[in-house]
Amino acid sequence: MTPRQTEILKFVNNFLQQNIHSPTYQEIRAGLKINSLTSVAQGCKALERRGLITKEKNQHRSIDITEKGIVKLSRSNDIKV
């Protein structure tokens, strides 16, 4: 997993802990200071291919962390799950 993908996964996790809904790509871009939405979309697609997140097609705020993603996060020392 790339450092950017790790950042996105952690951001989504933190956002979900603080809100009742998942972040939009725009919120991820702004929160991580990423220049383009394409970079966010590519990072999310890669996380989805790895089975760490799910996202409903054509649905806003539909990113969710899978069990596999939770396990991955729990192995990180610097994040609460």
Protein backbone atom coordinates (compact mmCIF):
# COMPACT_ATOMS: atom_id res chain seq x y z
CA MET A 1 0.00 0.00 0.00
CA THR A 2 1.36 3.43 -0.92
CA PRO A 3 1.79 6.22 1.63
CA ARG A 4 -1.01 8.16 -0.11
CA GLN A 5 -3.38 5.19 0.14
CA THR A 6 -2.53 4.86 3.83
CA GLU A 7 -3.28 8.56 4.34
CA ILE A 8 -6.64 8.21 2.60
CA LEU A 9 -7.60 5.13 4.61
CA LYS A 10 -6.70 6.83 7.88
CA PHE A 11 -8.53 10.01 6.87
CA VAL A 12 -11.70 8.08 6.02
CA ASN A 13 -11.48 6.21 9.33
CA ASN A 14 -11.04 9.41 11.35
CA PHE A 15 -13.83 11.15 9.43
CA LEU A 16 -16.23 8.25 10.06
CA GLN A 17 -15.43 8.35 13.78
CA GLN A 18 -16.29 12.06 13.94
CA ASN A 19 -19.29 12.16 11.59
CA ILE A 20 -22.39 10.12 10.85
CA HIS A 21 -21.50 9.90 7.16
CA SER A 22 -18.44 9.19 5.07
CA PRO A 23 -16.35 11.92 3.42
CA THR A 24 -16.71 13.03 -0.17
CA TYR A 25 -13.72 13.00 -2.50
CA GLN A 26 -13.64 16.80 -2.15
CA GLU A 27 -13.40 16.53 1.64
CA ILE A 28 -10.61 13.96 1.36
CA ARG A 29 -8.76 16.21 -1.12
CA ALA A 30 -9.07 19.25 1.13
CA GLY A 31 -8.30 17.37 4.35
CA LEU A 32 -5.14 15.81 2.98
CA LYS A 33 -4.17 18.83 0.84
CA ILE A 34 -4.16 16.75 -2.34
CA ASN A 35 -4.14 18.84 -5.52
CA SER A 36 -6.56 16.85 -7.65
CA LEU A 37 -9.73 14.84 -7.25
CA THR A 38 -8.28 12.35 -9.73
CA SER A 39 -5.54 11.47 -7.22
CA VAL A 40 -8.18 10.91 -4.54
CA ALA A 41 -10.30 8.79 -6.89
CA GLN A 42 -7.28 6.69 -7.91
CA GLY A 43 -6.30 6.18 -4.28
CA CYS A 44 -9.84 5.13 -3.34
CA LYS A 45 -10.06 2.77 -6.32
CA ALA A 46 -6.79 1.13 -5.27
CA LEU A 47 -8.07 0.72 -1.69
CA GLU A 48 -11.27 -0.76 -3.06
CA ARG A 49 -9.33 -3.22 -5.25
CA ARG A 50 -7.33 -4.26 -2.17
CA GLY A 51 -10.60 -4.88 -0.33
CA LEU A 52 -9.91 -2.23 2.33
CA ILE A 53 -12.88 0.01 1.51
CA THR A 54 -16.17 -0.27 -0.33
CA LYS A 55 -17.98 2.43 -2.29
CA GLU A 56 -21.38 2.37 -3.94
CA LYS A 57 -21.30 3.44 -7.57
CA ASN A 58 -22.84 6.86 -8.25
CA GLN A 59 -23.52 7.42 -4.55
CA HIS A 60 -22.10 10.33 -2.59
CA ARG A 61 -20.79 9.65 0.90
CA SER A 62 -20.82 5.89 0.42
CA ILE A 63 -17.22 5.02 1.35
CA ASP A 64 -17.01 2.44 4.11
CA ILE A 65 -14.08 0.59 5.62
CA THR A 66 -14.20 -3.20 5.35
CA GLU A 67 -13.17 -5.69 8.04
CA LYS A 68 -9.90 -6.12 6.16
CA GLY A 69 -9.41 -2.35 6.27
CA ILE A 70 -10.11 -2.26 10.01
CA VAL A 71 -7.51 -4.99 10.57
CA LYS A 72 -5.00 -3.02 8.47
CA LEU A 73 -5.69 0.12 10.50
CA SER A 74 -5.45 -1.71 13.82
CA ARG A 75 -1.93 -2.80 12.89
CA SER A 76 -0.89 0.86 12.58
CA ASN A 77 0.55 2.21 15.81
CA ASP A 78 -0.65 5.77 15.32
CA ILE A 79 -4.39 5.32 14.80
CA LYS A 80 -7.41 4.39 16.89
CA VAL A 81 -9.96 2.00 15.39
